[in-house]
Structures are given as structure tokens and as C-alpha cells.
N, C-alpha and C. Protein backbone atom coordinates (compact mmCIF):
# COMPACT_ATOMS: atom_id res chain seq x y z
N UNK A 1 12.75 -22.51 12.95
CA UNK A 1 12.54 -21.28 13.24
C UNK A 1 12.44 -21.00 14.37
N UNK A 2 12.92 -20.21 15.39
CA UNK A 2 12.37 -19.49 16.31
C UNK A 2 11.47 -18.55 16.38
N UNK A 3 10.89 -18.12 17.64
CA UNK A 3 9.69 -17.15 17.12
C UNK A 3 10.47 -15.94 16.72
N UNK A 4 11.39 -15.40 17.33
CA UNK A 4 12.18 -14.14 16.65
C UNK A 4 12.47 -14.37 15.20
N UNK A 5 13.11 -15.50 14.63
CA UNK A 5 13.09 -15.58 13.52
C UNK A 5 11.87 -15.55 12.45
N UNK A 6 10.95 -16.32 13.07
CA UNK A 6 9.57 -15.83 12.25
C UNK A 6 9.13 -14.95 12.34
N UNK A 7 9.30 -14.08 13.04
CA UNK A 7 8.67 -12.73 13.15
C UNK A 7 9.72 -11.87 12.02
N UNK A 8 10.91 -12.05 11.98
CA UNK A 8 11.81 -11.24 11.13
C UNK A 8 11.15 -11.79 9.70
N UNK A 9 11.17 -12.94 9.60
CA UNK A 9 10.76 -13.68 8.36
C UNK A 9 9.09 -12.76 7.75
N UNK A 10 8.31 -13.12 8.66
CA UNK A 10 7.06 -12.46 8.23
C UNK A 10 6.90 -10.87 7.90
N UNK A 11 8.29 -9.95 8.76
CA UNK A 11 8.20 -8.64 8.31
C UNK A 11 9.04 -8.81 7.23
N UNK A 12 10.14 -9.10 6.54
CA UNK A 12 10.55 -9.33 5.36
C UNK A 12 9.69 -9.81 4.36
N UNK A 13 8.90 -10.63 4.25
CA UNK A 13 7.61 -10.80 3.47
C UNK A 13 7.08 -10.05 3.39
N UNK A 14 6.26 -9.40 4.34
CA UNK A 14 5.54 -8.25 4.18
C UNK A 14 6.16 -6.88 3.34
N UNK A 15 7.30 -6.49 3.87
CA UNK A 15 7.96 -5.45 3.08
C UNK A 15 8.47 -5.91 1.61
N UNK A 16 8.72 -7.06 1.40
CA UNK A 16 9.05 -7.53 -0.06
C UNK A 16 7.45 -7.42 -0.86
N UNK A 17 6.24 -7.94 -0.17
CA UNK A 17 5.32 -7.98 -1.15
C UNK A 17 4.72 -6.64 -1.19
N UNK A 18 4.88 -5.67 -0.29
CA UNK A 18 4.34 -4.02 -0.51
C UNK A 18 5.32 -3.42 -1.22
N UNK A 19 6.73 -3.67 -1.31
CA UNK A 19 7.43 -2.93 -2.18
C UNK A 19 7.15 -3.43 -3.58
N UNK A 20 6.87 -4.68 -4.05
CA UNK A 20 6.59 -5.04 -5.41
C UNK A 20 5.20 -4.82 -5.77
N UNK A 21 4.47 -4.35 -4.61
CA UNK A 21 3.10 -4.42 -5.38
C UNK A 21 3.18 -2.85 -5.44
N UNK A 22 3.82 -1.80 -4.81
CA UNK A 22 3.93 -0.66 -5.13
C UNK A 22 4.58 -0.66 -6.49
N UNK A 23 5.70 -1.08 -6.79
CA UNK A 23 6.13 -1.18 -7.93
C UNK A 23 5.38 -1.46 -9.13
N UNK A 24 4.70 -2.39 -9.05
CA UNK A 24 3.89 -2.74 -9.99
C UNK A 24 2.74 -1.77 -10.27
N UNK A 25 1.94 -0.95 -9.34
CA UNK A 25 1.36 0.03 -9.40
C UNK A 25 1.80 1.24 -9.98
N UNK A 26 3.07 1.55 -9.77
CA UNK A 26 3.72 2.64 -10.34
C UNK A 26 3.99 2.50 -12.15
N UNK A 27 4.35 0.96 -12.13
CA UNK A 27 4.44 0.67 -13.71
C UNK A 27 3.10 0.85 -14.60
N UNK A 28 2.31 0.71 -13.68
CA UNK A 28 1.08 0.62 -14.45
C UNK A 28 0.45 1.85 -14.63
N UNK A 29 0.78 2.84 -13.55
CA UNK A 29 0.48 4.26 -13.99
C UNK A 29 1.36 5.03 -14.89
N UNK A 30 2.58 4.55 -14.96
CA UNK A 30 3.46 5.12 -15.82
C UNK A 30 3.30 4.59 -17.21
N UNK A 31 2.78 3.59 -17.50
CA UNK A 31 2.40 3.12 -18.74
C UNK A 31 1.11 3.24 -19.08
N UNK A 32 0.41 4.12 -18.02
CA UNK A 32 -0.90 4.64 -18.45
C UNK A 32 -2.07 3.44 -18.84
N UNK A 33 -1.53 2.44 -18.13
CA UNK A 33 -2.34 1.37 -18.10
C UNK A 33 -3.59 1.46 -17.11
N UNK A 34 -3.80 2.17 -16.00
CA UNK A 34 -4.53 2.57 -15.09
C UNK A 34 -4.33 3.71 -14.76
N UNK A 35 -5.49 4.79 -14.39
CA UNK A 35 -5.47 5.86 -13.90
C UNK A 35 -5.02 6.16 -12.36
N UNK A 36 -4.14 6.70 -12.23
CA UNK A 36 -3.23 7.05 -10.95
C UNK A 36 -4.46 7.12 -9.69
N UNK A 37 -5.80 8.06 -10.14
CA UNK A 37 -6.55 8.23 -9.53
C UNK A 37 -7.44 7.09 -8.87
N UNK A 38 -7.61 6.14 -9.85
CA UNK A 38 -8.45 5.01 -9.67
C UNK A 38 -7.91 4.21 -8.60
N UNK A 39 -6.46 4.13 -8.86
CA UNK A 39 -5.47 3.26 -8.27
C UNK A 39 -5.52 3.89 -6.78
N UNK A 40 -5.61 4.79 -6.70
CA UNK A 40 -5.34 5.77 -5.24
C UNK A 40 -6.96 5.12 -4.44
N UNK A 41 -8.02 5.49 -5.29
CA UNK A 41 -9.11 5.36 -4.96
C UNK A 41 -9.40 3.70 -4.47
N UNK A 42 -8.89 2.82 -5.01
CA UNK A 42 -8.64 1.42 -4.64
C UNK A 42 -7.87 1.26 -3.40
N UNK A 43 -6.99 1.99 -3.10
CA UNK A 43 -6.13 1.76 -1.86
C UNK A 43 -6.86 2.88 -1.04
N UNK A 44 -7.37 3.74 -1.18
CA UNK A 44 -8.41 4.24 -0.15
C UNK A 44 -9.31 3.40 0.50
N UNK A 45 -10.31 2.58 -0.29
CA UNK A 45 -11.13 1.92 0.06
C UNK A 45 -10.45 0.81 0.90
N UNK A 46 -9.29 0.65 0.78
CA UNK A 46 -8.54 -0.62 1.69
C UNK A 46 -8.28 -0.20 3.04
N UNK A 47 -7.87 1.66 2.98
CA UNK A 47 -7.45 1.95 3.91
C UNK A 47 -8.91 2.06 4.74
N UNK A 48 -9.76 2.48 4.43
CA UNK A 48 -11.51 2.94 5.31
C UNK A 48 -11.52 1.39 5.83
N UNK A 49 -11.04 0.39 5.16
CA UNK A 49 -11.82 -0.84 5.47
C UNK A 49 -10.74 -1.37 6.87
N UNK A 50 -9.47 -1.11 6.60
CA UNK A 50 -8.55 -1.11 7.75
C UNK A 50 -8.94 -0.48 9.07
N UNK A 51 -9.16 0.61 8.74
CA UNK A 51 -9.88 1.32 9.96
C UNK A 51 -11.10 1.17 10.43
N UNK A 52 -11.87 0.85 9.99
CA UNK A 52 -13.27 0.28 10.20
C UNK A 52 -12.86 -1.10 11.01
N UNK A 53 -12.07 -2.02 10.58
CA UNK A 53 -11.71 -3.30 11.29
C UNK A 53 -11.03 -2.67 12.60
N UNK A 54 -10.24 -1.58 12.72
CA UNK A 54 -9.42 -1.08 13.92
C UNK A 54 -10.55 -0.84 15.02
N UNK A 55 -11.91 -0.12 14.24
CA UNK A 55 -12.62 0.53 15.24
C UNK A 55 -13.40 -0.52 15.65
N UNK A 56 -13.58 -1.79 15.15
CA UNK A 56 -14.24 -2.83 15.79
C UNK A 56 -13.52 -3.88 16.56
N UNK A 57 -12.09 -3.36 16.74
CA UNK A 57 -11.41 -4.41 17.73
C UNK A 57 -11.08 -5.26 17.00
N UNK A 58 -10.95 -5.51 15.89
CA UNK A 58 -9.77 -6.60 14.99
C UNK A 58 -8.50 -6.09 14.92
N UNK A 59 -8.04 -6.69 15.68
CA UNK A 59 -6.18 -6.46 15.60
C UNK A 59 -6.24 -4.85 15.33
N UNK A 60 -6.70 -4.46 16.29
CA UNK A 60 -6.33 -2.71 16.33
C UNK A 60 -5.21 -2.24 15.89
N UNK A 61 -4.10 -2.69 16.39
CA UNK A 61 -2.74 -1.90 16.28
C UNK A 61 -2.41 -2.24 15.01
N UNK A 62 -2.67 -3.31 14.70
CA UNK A 62 -2.17 -4.07 13.09
C UNK A 62 -2.90 -3.20 12.01
N UNK A 63 -4.30 -2.86 12.42
CA UNK A 63 -5.02 -2.52 11.24
C UNK A 63 -4.69 -1.15 11.26
N UNK A 64 -4.08 -0.34 12.31
CA UNK A 64 -3.85 0.89 12.19
C UNK A 64 -2.71 1.44 11.43
N UNK A 65 -1.66 0.53 11.73
CA UNK A 65 -0.41 0.02 10.96
C UNK A 65 -0.49 0.14 9.81
N UNK A 66 -1.12 -0.89 9.34
CA UNK A 66 -1.39 -1.26 7.87
C UNK A 66 -2.06 -0.23 6.94
N UNK A 67 -3.16 0.60 7.77
CA UNK A 67 -3.61 1.96 7.21
C UNK A 67 -2.71 2.76 6.84
N UNK A 68 -1.57 3.08 7.96
CA UNK A 68 -0.54 3.95 7.92
C UNK A 68 0.26 3.71 6.34
N UNK A 69 0.85 2.24 6.52
CA UNK A 69 1.38 1.96 5.19
C UNK A 69 0.82 1.86 3.81
N UNK A 70 -0.28 1.68 3.76
CA UNK A 70 -1.32 1.89 2.91
C UNK A 70 -1.41 3.65 2.53
N UNK A 71 -1.26 4.39 3.51
CA UNK A 71 -1.46 6.06 3.29
C UNK A 71 -0.59 6.11 2.50
N UNK A 72 0.80 5.70 3.05
CA UNK A 72 2.13 6.04 2.17
C UNK A 72 2.17 5.64 0.83
N UNK A 73 1.38 4.55 0.58
CA UNK A 73 1.63 3.62 -0.75
C UNK A 73 0.51 4.42 -1.64
N UNK A 74 -0.39 5.10 -1.21
CA UNK A 74 -1.31 6.05 -1.91
C UNK A 74 -0.71 7.34 -2.26
N UNK A 75 0.05 8.08 -1.19
CA UNK A 75 1.17 8.85 -1.64
C UNK A 75 1.93 9.16 -2.77
N UNK A 76 2.48 7.77 -2.80
CA UNK A 76 3.69 7.62 -3.45
C UNK A 76 3.23 7.39 -5.24
N UNK A 77 1.86 6.75 -5.17
CA UNK A 77 1.08 6.71 -6.11
C UNK A 77 0.65 8.27 -6.80
N UNK A 78 0.18 8.82 -5.80
CA UNK A 78 -0.49 10.18 -6.24
C UNK A 78 0.84 11.24 -6.81
N UNK A 79 1.96 10.99 -6.09
CA UNK A 79 3.03 11.94 -6.30
C UNK A 79 3.81 11.47 -7.82
N UNK A 80 3.93 10.04 -8.21
CA UNK A 80 4.04 9.62 -9.42
C UNK A 80 3.16 9.94 -10.75
N UNK A 81 1.97 10.07 -10.34
CA UNK A 81 0.92 10.24 -11.21
C UNK A 81 1.31 11.56 -12.32
N UNK A 82 1.79 12.80 -11.79
CA UNK A 82 1.90 14.08 -12.45
C UNK A 82 2.86 14.05 -12.96
N UNK A 83 4.11 13.41 -12.45
CA UNK A 83 5.41 13.26 -13.13
C UNK A 83 4.96 12.29 -14.57
N UNK A 84 4.41 10.93 -14.50
CA UNK A 84 4.28 10.29 -15.51
C UNK A 84 3.74 11.14 -16.82
N UNK A 85 2.55 12.10 -16.46
CA UNK A 85 1.71 12.84 -17.43
C UNK A 85 2.93 14.11 -18.15
N UNK A 86 3.69 14.64 -17.23
CA UNK A 86 4.43 15.60 -17.69
C UNK A 86 5.36 15.25 -18.61
N UNK A 87 5.74 13.87 -18.43
CA UNK A 87 7.01 13.54 -19.15
C UNK A 87 6.33 13.61 -20.83
N UNK A 88 5.23 13.35 -21.18
CA UNK A 88 4.62 13.10 -22.57
C UNK A 88 4.55 14.29 -23.11
């Protein structure tokens, strides 16, 4: 594989992994196996870690982008939480 193909492969792998994790998290919340707030707290811990890594200069652009993606994930879980509770 060439460099461009590897970049696309890694981007596709990252997208697939993030989508799979988000889907599994939402299933766990919907089935009330884990509290949405606990899950959001765990994601926020990772966001804080990525932001600290960016501040320390450890791949700052990648860390900031990861924090942004994780924030979207946390928002998705937060949005799904009340809907799951309202259905019951």
C-alpha cells in the first residue's frame, strides 16, 4: 500500500472503531446496563487527558481533534440517555 492508501486505511479503521464503540455505548445505556452519566464521565476523563497531552505538546493537533471527536461522542450519549428513560 502507498502512503495515501495507508492514510485512508487508518482513517477508515478509526471511523469504524469510533462508530462501533458509540453504538455499543448506546446499547448499554438503552438497556440500562450502565448509567449514561457514568459513561459520559468516563469519556470526559479521556477528553481531559487528550487536552493535557495537547498542552504538553504530544501530537497536539491529533490530540485536539481526538478531543473534539470524543466531545461529539459524549454529546451523542447525553442525547440518547433521556430518550431511553422516557420510553419506559
